[in-house]
Each structure stands twice: as C-alpha cells, then as structure tokens.
Protein backbone atom coordinates (compact mmCIF):
# COMPACT_ATOMS: atom_id res chain seq x y z
CA UNK A 1 15.54 31.52 -24.06
CA UNK A 2 15.24 34.77 -22.27
CA UNK A 3 13.45 36.07 -19.25
CA UNK A 4 10.31 34.09 -20.11
CA UNK A 5 12.42 30.92 -20.27
CA UNK A 6 13.87 31.73 -16.85
CA UNK A 7 10.35 32.20 -15.46
CA UNK A 8 9.24 28.89 -16.98
CA UNK A 9 12.27 27.06 -15.55
CA UNK A 10 11.66 28.57 -12.10
CA UNK A 11 8.02 27.42 -12.21
CA UNK A 12 9.06 23.94 -13.37
CA UNK A 13 11.66 23.70 -10.61
CA UNK A 14 9.16 24.85 -7.97
CA UNK A 15 6.65 22.28 -9.25
CA UNK A 16 9.26 19.50 -9.18
CA UNK A 17 10.33 20.43 -5.63
CA UNK A 18 6.70 20.51 -4.45
CA UNK A 19 6.05 17.19 -6.21
CA UNK A 20 9.05 15.59 -4.52
CA UNK A 21 7.84 16.85 -1.12
CA UNK A 22 4.35 15.46 -1.72
CA UNK A 23 5.72 12.13 -2.91
CA UNK A 24 7.97 11.88 0.15
CA UNK A 25 4.94 12.56 2.36
CA UNK A 26 2.99 9.89 0.47
CA UNK A 27 5.90 7.47 0.87
CA UNK A 28 6.03 8.01 4.64
CA UNK A 29 2.29 7.39 4.94
CA UNK A 30 2.47 4.28 2.77
CA UNK A 31 5.37 2.87 4.78
CA UNK A 32 3.51 3.51 8.05
CA UNK A 33 0.40 1.78 6.74
CA UNK A 34 2.46 -1.08 5.31
CA UNK A 35 4.16 -1.65 8.69
CA UNK A 36 0.77 -1.63 10.44
CA UNK A 37 -0.63 -4.10 7.87
CA UNK A 38 2.42 -6.36 8.32
CA UNK A 39 2.00 -6.34 12.10
CA UNK A 40 -1.70 -7.13 11.71
CA UNK A 41 -0.89 -9.91 9.23
CA UNK A 42 1.66 -11.44 11.63
CA UNK A 43 -0.82 -11.32 14.49
CA UNK A 44 -3.63 -12.75 12.35
CA UNK A 45 -1.25 -15.45 11.09
CA UNK A 46 -0.42 -16.49 14.65
CA UNK A 47 -4.11 -16.55 15.54
CA UNK A 48 -4.88 -18.60 12.43
CA UNK A 49 -2.17 -21.17 13.20
CA UNK A 50 -3.34 -21.45 16.82
CA UNK A 51 -6.98 -21.90 15.82
CA UNK A 52 -6.03 -24.43 13.16
CA UNK A 53 -3.99 -26.47 15.64
CA UNK A 54 -6.91 -26.40 18.08
CA UNK A 55 -9.33 -27.49 15.34
CA UNK A 56 -7.03 -30.31 14.24
CA UNK A 57 -6.85 -31.53 17.82
CA UNK A 58 -10.65 -31.59 18.12
CA UNK A 59 -10.91 -33.33 14.74
CA UNK A 60 -8.56 -36.11 15.79
CA UNK A 61 -10.54 -36.58 19.00
CA UNK A 62 -13.82 -36.65 17.08
CA UNK A 63 -12.56 -39.18 14.55
CA UNK A 64 -11.20 -41.37 17.33
CA UNK A 65 -14.57 -41.23 19.10
CA UNK A 66 -16.91 -41.67 16.13
CA UNK A 67 -14.83 -42.82 13.16
CA UNK A 68 -14.38 -41.15 9.79
CA UNK A 69 -18.00 -41.83 8.83
CA UNK A 70 -19.10 -39.18 11.30
CA UNK A 71 -17.26 -36.51 9.31
CA UNK A 72 -19.38 -36.95 6.19
CA UNK A 73 -22.58 -36.93 8.22
CA UNK A 74 -21.72 -33.69 10.00
CA UNK A 75 -20.93 -31.55 6.91
CA UNK A 76 -23.46 -28.71 6.46
CA UNK A 77 -24.79 -28.12 2.95
CA UNK A 78 -24.57 -24.34 3.19
CA UNK A 79 -21.14 -22.75 2.80
CA UNK A 80 -19.57 -19.96 4.77
CA UNK A 81 -19.49 -16.53 3.19
CA UNK A 82 -16.54 -14.17 3.33
CA UNK A 83 -16.93 -10.56 2.19
CA UNK A 84 -13.97 -8.25 1.83
CA UNK A 85 -14.42 -4.51 2.13
CA UNK A 86 -11.87 -2.41 0.31
CA UNK A 87 -10.38 0.93 1.29
CA UNK A 88 -8.02 3.37 -0.37
CA UNK A 89 -4.96 5.04 1.12
CA UNK A 90 -3.14 7.59 -1.02
CA UNK A 91 -4.71 6.07 -4.13
CA UNK A 92 -3.93 2.45 -3.22
CA UNK A 93 -6.96 0.16 -3.02
CA UNK A 94 -6.45 -2.63 -0.52
CA UNK A 95 -8.54 -5.00 1.60
CA UNK A 96 -9.57 -3.22 4.79
CA UNK A 97 -11.92 -5.50 6.69
CA UNK A 98 -13.32 -8.97 6.35
CA UNK A 99 -16.85 -9.89 7.32
CA UNK A 100 -17.74 -13.49 7.89
CA UNK A 101 -21.07 -15.31 7.76
CA UNK A 102 -21.14 -18.77 9.31
CA UNK A 103 -23.04 -21.48 7.50
CA UNK A 104 -26.36 -22.22 9.15
CA UNK A 105 -27.37 -25.84 9.54
CA UNK A 106 -31.00 -26.45 8.52
CA UNK A 107 -33.29 -28.36 10.85
CA UNK A 108 -33.24 -31.44 8.62
CA UNK A 109 -29.47 -31.69 8.41
CA UNK A 110 -27.63 -34.07 10.73
CA UNK A 111 -25.47 -32.60 13.47
CA UNK A 112 -22.02 -33.89 14.36
CA UNK A 113 -22.32 -37.33 15.99
CA UNK A 114 -20.17 -36.41 18.99
CA UNK A 115 -19.22 -33.28 20.89
CA UNK A 116 -15.59 -33.46 19.80
CA UNK A 117 -16.66 -33.09 16.15
CA UNK A 118 -19.02 -30.25 17.16
CA UNK A 119 -16.05 -28.51 18.83
CA UNK A 120 -13.92 -29.25 15.73
CA UNK A 121 -16.55 -27.63 13.51
CA UNK A 122 -16.63 -24.52 15.67
CA UNK A 123 -12.82 -24.42 15.84
CA UNK A 124 -12.46 -24.81 12.05
CA UNK A 125 -14.91 -21.96 11.51
CA UNK A 126 -12.78 -19.78 13.77
CA UNK A 127 -9.64 -20.92 11.92
CA UNK A 128 -11.12 -20.10 8.51
CA UNK A 129 -12.24 -16.69 9.80
CA UNK A 130 -8.70 -16.04 11.08
CA UNK A 131 -7.25 -17.24 7.76
CA UNK A 132 -9.45 -14.78 5.87
CA UNK A 133 -8.32 -11.92 8.10
CA UNK A 134 -4.70 -12.99 7.71
CA UNK A 135 -5.08 -13.07 3.91
CA UNK A 136 -6.68 -9.62 3.85
CA UNK A 137 -3.93 -8.05 6.00
CA UNK A 138 -1.24 -9.79 3.95
CA UNK A 139 -2.75 -8.60 0.66
CA UNK A 140 -3.00 -5.05 2.02
CA UNK A 141 0.64 -5.12 3.09
CA UNK A 142 1.75 -6.35 -0.35
CA UNK A 143 -0.29 -3.75 -2.23
CA UNK A 144 0.96 -0.93 0.00
CA UNK A 145 4.56 -2.16 -0.32
CA UNK A 146 4.30 -2.25 -4.11
CA UNK A 147 3.00 1.32 -4.21
CA UNK A 148 5.75 2.40 -1.79
CA UNK A 149 8.35 0.99 -4.19
CA UNK A 150 6.81 2.89 -7.13
CA UNK A 151 6.62 6.10 -5.08
CA UNK A 152 10.23 5.73 -3.94
CA UNK A 153 11.28 5.39 -7.61
CA UNK A 154 9.38 8.58 -8.50
CA UNK A 155 11.02 10.46 -5.62
CA UNK A 156 14.45 9.28 -6.75
CA UNK A 157 13.75 10.26 -10.35
CA UNK A 158 12.77 13.75 -9.27
CA UNK A 159 15.55 14.16 -6.71
CA UNK A 160 18.39 12.67 -8.73
CA UNK A 161 17.49 13.60 -12.29
CA UNK A 162 14.74 16.18 -12.86
CA UNK A 163 15.48 18.65 -10.07
CA UNK A 164 19.29 18.71 -10.66
CA UNK A 165 18.72 19.07 -14.42
CA UNK A 166 16.27 21.94 -13.92
CA UNK A 167 18.68 23.62 -11.48
CA UNK A 168 21.56 23.29 -13.98
CA UNK A 169 19.44 24.68 -16.81
CA UNK A 170 18.23 27.56 -14.63
CA UNK A 171 21.76 28.35 -13.44
CA UNK A 172 23.08 28.30 -17.01
CA UNK A 173 20.24 30.52 -18.21
CA UNK A 174 20.67 32.98 -15.34
CA UNK A 175 24.40 33.13 -16.05
CA UNK A 176 23.74 33.76 -19.75
CA UNK A 177 21.16 36.46 -18.92
CA UNK A 178 23.55 38.11 -16.44
CA UNK A 179 26.36 38.10 -19.02
CA UNK A 180 24.00 39.55 -21.62
CA UNK A 181 22.92 42.28 -19.18
CA UNK A 182 26.55 43.12 -18.36
CA UNK A 183 27.45 43.26 -22.08
CA UNK A 184 24.46 45.53 -22.66
CA UNK A 185 25.52 47.75 -19.76
CA UNK A 186 29.08 47.96 -21.15
CA UNK A 187 27.72 48.85 -24.63
CA UNK A 188 25.49 51.56 -23.16
CA UNK A 189 28.35 53.07 -21.17
CA UNK A 190 30.60 52.97 -24.23
CA UNK A 191 27.86 54.43 -26.41
CA UNK A 192 27.14 57.10 -23.79
CA UNK A 193 30.80 57.99 -23.42
CA UNK A 194 31.39 58.13 -27.21
CA UNK A 195 28.13 59.89 -27.86
CA UNK A 196 29.00 62.67 -25.41
CA UNK A 197 32.21 63.49 -27.27
C-alpha cells in the first residue's frame, strides 16, 4: 500500500468517525424517546388500574342490586374497536396513538337493568381504553429500547474495534511511507554527492 492506500484509510477512518457520531446522536434520541414512552406507559398504567378498580366497584354494586342475570342481559352485541396508528423514529416503527370506538347499543338491545351496571359498563369502557393506551406506550418503549441496545452495540463496535484498527493501520502506513521517503531522500543525497565527484 502506498499513498493511495493512505488516502483510502483516511477516508475509511473519517467515515467510521462520522458513523459513530451519527449513531451516538441516534442513540441519544432513542433513549429520550424511550424514557418518554416509559413515563407515558407508567401514567397510562396508573390510569388503567384506577379505572379498572372503579369499574369493579360499580360491577359489584350492580350485581348486588340486580343479580348476575342482569350482566348477561346488558351485554351489547357490537364490540369495541381499537385502532393503533404507527410512527417511526430513527427507523424504529412503534405504536404512536390509539383510537377507540365504543360499541353502540342498537335500539332493540336491552340496556343494563340498573344504574350501577350502566356505570360499570361506562367505567369498563374507560378501563379498556386506558389499557389499550398503556399497551401502546409499553410496546413503543420496548421497541425503542431494543433499537437503543442494537445502536449501542454498533457504537461500541466502531469505537472499540473499527476506529482503533483503522487508526493503527493508518499510523503504520504513514510510518512506513515516512521511512520510505527518508530512505529515498538519503539515496538521492548519496547519489547526488557521488555523482558530483
């Protein structure tokens, strides 16, 4: 390898250094987004547990007032619909938002036999909505964390292996080129001094 090899090594080293900088920037962004998703998941989890406890309380009251037979009568035939919208951050697809469509009771369907069961139905809908949001935030946090781990491994590979290896190779090549240039200079001076005689 000569001067062209030195140029190639310098370009490779510059590319590796730029790649490590970009990956470190990506890692910082991923970690920030992961922390935000974890905070949102914790908050949504608390909301979900609170709404579920409230719904369970209303259910117990409704069953005590109307018996378990009232539960079967009050169940709507239509199901709720949950849609998850996805987003991408630094190439990582993750759930971003959850939209919720409540089931609509048709005119012919029976309604809950007492107000406690009606409140329980409303509270369970809110609990399921909160559970869906919690699941979306939790999934986003896990996907972002997994990508952060992979990015951290890439940064380490560049910083600990590729960049030091390229620097060693470049230093060795520059030393060899410098020695060759000095030998050539010595030969020229010797040839010039012996040629003049």
